[in-house]
């Protein structure tokens, strides 16, 4: 994954982990490559497995609202993270693509 160039706030991290988790779960199966991608992301933006549980508890609309407020540099970084997560299992499922399109369009409105 790409090195984080800007520090993310706690709220931004929660929102990012929420949408990353959503993309991973979109095809109904968690692949080893996706687990590896999340492990790498945990090191890059500094969060742990408990944080994933917290991120799952926020509403998707709240996550999108937070992501909308991020500067374009952070949004681009998130787009790269989501792309790398989606292909980390060797295949980008159509449900992952659809969800990512929704996320990108929603946060860039």
C-alpha atoms as a PDB file:
ATOM      1  CA  UNK A   1       0.000   0.000   0.000  1.00  0.00           C
ATOM      2  CA  UNK A   2       0.938   3.571  -0.436  1.00  0.00           C
ATOM      3  CA  UNK A   3       2.704   5.382   2.373  1.00  0.00           C
ATOM      4  CA  UNK A   4       0.423   7.797   4.206  1.00  0.00           C
ATOM      5  CA  UNK A   5       1.511  11.334   3.405  1.00  0.00           C
ATOM      6  CA  UNK A   6      -0.845  13.195   5.715  1.00  0.00           C
ATOM      7  CA  UNK A   7      -1.730  12.433   9.314  1.00  0.00           C
ATOM      8  CA  UNK A   8      -5.330  11.351   9.742  1.00  0.00           C
ATOM      9  CA  UNK A   9      -7.481  12.481  12.660  1.00  0.00           C
ATOM     10  CA  UNK A  10      -9.187   9.908  14.895  1.00  0.00           C
ATOM     11  CA  UNK A  11     -12.547  10.554  13.206  1.00  0.00           C
ATOM     12  CA  UNK A  12     -10.967  10.188   9.748  1.00  0.00           C
ATOM     13  CA  UNK A  13      -9.342   6.907  10.781  1.00  0.00           C
ATOM     14  CA  UNK A  14     -12.667   5.574  12.075  1.00  0.00           C
ATOM     15  CA  UNK A  15     -14.398   6.523   8.828  1.00  0.00           C
ATOM     16  CA  UNK A  16     -11.593   5.080   6.706  1.00  0.00           C
ATOM     17  CA  UNK A  17     -11.505   1.796   8.595  1.00  0.00           C
ATOM     18  CA  UNK A  18     -15.303   1.628   8.343  1.00  0.00           C
ATOM     19  CA  UNK A  19     -15.273   1.891   4.537  1.00  0.00           C
ATOM     20  CA  UNK A  20     -12.232  -0.402   4.167  1.00  0.00           C
ATOM     21  CA  UNK A  21     -14.053  -2.994   6.275  1.00  0.00           C
ATOM     22  CA  UNK A  22     -17.171  -2.535   4.138  1.00  0.00           C
ATOM     23  CA  UNK A  23     -15.210  -3.132   0.927  1.00  0.00           C
ATOM     24  CA  UNK A  24     -13.626  -6.257   2.406  1.00  0.00           C
ATOM     25  CA  UNK A  25     -17.038  -7.634   3.378  1.00  0.00           C
ATOM     26  CA  UNK A  26     -18.762  -6.600   0.133  1.00  0.00           C
ATOM     27  CA  UNK A  27     -18.242  -9.921  -1.662  1.00  0.00           C
ATOM     28  CA  UNK A  28     -19.300 -11.930   1.383  1.00  0.00           C
ATOM     29  CA  UNK A  29     -15.911 -13.496   1.990  1.00  0.00           C
ATOM     30  CA  UNK A  30     -12.768 -12.291   3.783  1.00  0.00           C
ATOM     31  CA  UNK A  31      -9.682 -13.390   1.829  1.00  0.00           C
ATOM     32  CA  UNK A  32      -6.165 -13.813   3.235  1.00  0.00           C
ATOM     33  CA  UNK A  33      -4.900 -11.012   0.992  1.00  0.00           C
ATOM     34  CA  UNK A  34      -7.486  -8.663   2.472  1.00  0.00           C
ATOM     35  CA  UNK A  35      -6.420  -9.584   5.994  1.00  0.00           C
ATOM     36  CA  UNK A  36      -2.825  -8.826   5.011  1.00  0.00           C
ATOM     37  CA  UNK A  37      -3.900  -5.498   3.507  1.00  0.00           C
ATOM     38  CA  UNK A  38      -5.660  -4.487   6.732  1.00  0.00           C
ATOM     39  CA  UNK A  39      -2.664  -5.572   8.798  1.00  0.00           C
ATOM     40  CA  UNK A  40      -0.441  -3.332   6.679  1.00  0.00           C
ATOM     41  CA  UNK A  41      -2.937  -0.470   6.933  1.00  0.00           C
ATOM     42  CA  UNK A  42      -2.994  -0.892  10.729  1.00  0.00           C
ATOM     43  CA  UNK A  43       0.728  -0.146  10.782  1.00  0.00           C
ATOM     44  CA  UNK A  44       0.497   2.732   8.280  1.00  0.00           C
ATOM     45  CA  UNK A  45      -2.212   4.752   9.980  1.00  0.00           C
ATOM     46  CA  UNK A  46      -1.730   3.374  13.516  1.00  0.00           C
ATOM     47  CA  UNK A  47      -4.783   1.476  14.732  1.00  0.00           C
ATOM     48  CA  UNK A  48      -5.439  -1.945  16.259  1.00  0.00           C
ATOM     49  CA  UNK A  49      -8.058  -4.685  16.000  1.00  0.00           C
ATOM     50  CA  UNK A  50     -10.209  -3.073  18.725  1.00  0.00           C
ATOM     51  CA  UNK A  51     -10.364   0.020  16.531  1.00  0.00           C
ATOM     52  CA  UNK A  52     -11.905  -2.090  13.740  1.00  0.00           C
ATOM     53  CA  UNK A  53     -14.753  -3.032  16.085  1.00  0.00           C
ATOM     54  CA  UNK A  54     -15.301   0.655  16.933  1.00  0.00           C
ATOM     55  CA  UNK A  55     -15.290   1.569  13.239  1.00  0.00           C
ATOM     56  CA  UNK A  56     -17.911  -1.091  12.481  1.00  0.00           C
ATOM     57  CA  UNK A  57     -20.224   0.585  15.004  1.00  0.00           C
ATOM     58  CA  UNK A  58     -20.437   3.941  13.249  1.00  0.00           C
ATOM     59  CA  UNK A  59     -23.135   4.505  10.644  1.00  0.00           C
ATOM     60  CA  UNK A  60     -22.111   4.494   6.991  1.00  0.00           C
ATOM     61  CA  UNK A  61     -23.675   7.929   6.500  1.00  0.00           C
ATOM     62  CA  UNK A  62     -21.573   9.269   9.366  1.00  0.00           C
ATOM     63  CA  UNK A  63     -18.419   7.758   7.836  1.00  0.00           C
ATOM     64  CA  UNK A  64     -19.194   9.321   4.442  1.00  0.00           C
ATOM     65  CA  UNK A  65     -19.866  12.684   6.101  1.00  0.00           C
ATOM     66  CA  UNK A  66     -16.438  12.578   7.762  1.00  0.00           C
ATOM     67  CA  UNK A  67     -14.724  11.516   4.526  1.00  0.00           C
ATOM     68  CA  UNK A  68     -16.396  14.376   2.614  1.00  0.00           C
ATOM     69  CA  UNK A  69     -14.690  16.871   4.917  1.00  0.00           C
ATOM     70  CA  UNK A  70     -11.182  15.516   4.306  1.00  0.00           C
ATOM     71  CA  UNK A  71      -8.829  17.508   2.063  1.00  0.00           C
ATOM     72  CA  UNK A  72      -8.338  16.153  -1.454  1.00  0.00           C
ATOM     73  CA  UNK A  73      -4.882  14.738  -0.613  1.00  0.00           C
ATOM     74  CA  UNK A  74      -6.373  12.526   2.094  1.00  0.00           C
ATOM     75  CA  UNK A  75      -9.268  11.505  -0.169  1.00  0.00           C
ATOM     76  CA  UNK A  76      -6.807  10.450  -2.856  1.00  0.00           C
ATOM     77  CA  UNK A  77      -4.844   8.464  -0.278  1.00  0.00           C
ATOM     78  CA  UNK A  78      -8.072   6.718   0.808  1.00  0.00           C
ATOM     79  CA  UNK A  79      -8.957   5.942  -2.814  1.00  0.00           C
ATOM     80  CA  UNK A  80      -5.557   4.272  -3.235  1.00  0.00           C
ATOM     81  CA  UNK A  81      -6.017   2.326   0.012  1.00  0.00           C
ATOM     82  CA  UNK A  82      -9.450   1.075  -1.086  1.00  0.00           C
ATOM     83  CA  UNK A  83      -8.157   0.076  -4.538  1.00  0.00           C
ATOM     84  CA  UNK A  84      -5.254  -1.852  -3.007  1.00  0.00           C
ATOM     85  CA  UNK A  85      -7.585  -3.523  -0.503  1.00  0.00           C
ATOM     86  CA  UNK A  86     -10.049  -4.546  -3.206  1.00  0.00           C
ATOM     87  CA  UNK A  87      -7.373  -6.177  -5.371  1.00  0.00           C
ATOM     88  CA  UNK A  88      -5.397  -7.647  -2.464  1.00  0.00           C
ATOM     89  CA  UNK A  89      -7.144 -11.000  -2.910  1.00  0.00           C
ATOM     90  CA  UNK A  90      -6.183 -11.083  -6.589  1.00  0.00           C
ATOM     91  CA  UNK A  91      -9.668 -10.238  -7.837  1.00  0.00           C
ATOM     92  CA  UNK A  92     -11.812  -7.092  -7.687  1.00  0.00           C
ATOM     93  CA  UNK A  93     -15.387  -8.288  -7.209  1.00  0.00           C
ATOM     94  CA  UNK A  94     -18.205  -6.318  -8.869  1.00  0.00           C
ATOM     95  CA  UNK A  95     -19.766  -5.684  -5.431  1.00  0.00           C
ATOM     96  CA  UNK A  96     -16.464  -4.158  -4.262  1.00  0.00           C
ATOM     97  CA  UNK A  97     -16.316  -2.001  -7.392  1.00  0.00           C
ATOM     98  CA  UNK A  98     -19.909  -0.819  -6.933  1.00  0.00           C
ATOM     99  CA  UNK A  99     -19.367   0.018  -3.258  1.00  0.00           C
ATOM    100  CA  UNK A 100     -16.119   1.874  -3.992  1.00  0.00           C
ATOM    101  CA  UNK A 101     -17.810   3.888  -6.749  1.00  0.00           C
ATOM    102  CA  UNK A 102     -20.539   4.859  -4.283  1.00  0.00           C
ATOM    103  CA  UNK A 103     -17.959   5.829  -1.640  1.00  0.00           C
ATOM    104  CA  UNK A 104     -15.836   7.892  -4.072  1.00  0.00           C
ATOM    105  CA  UNK A 105     -18.868   9.693  -5.530  1.00  0.00           C
ATOM    106  CA  UNK A 106     -20.390  10.355  -2.096  1.00  0.00           C
ATOM    107  CA  UNK A 107     -17.233  11.771  -0.534  1.00  0.00           C
ATOM    108  CA  UNK A 108     -16.510  13.992  -3.545  1.00  0.00           C
ATOM    109  CA  UNK A 109     -19.962  15.620  -3.794  1.00  0.00           C
END
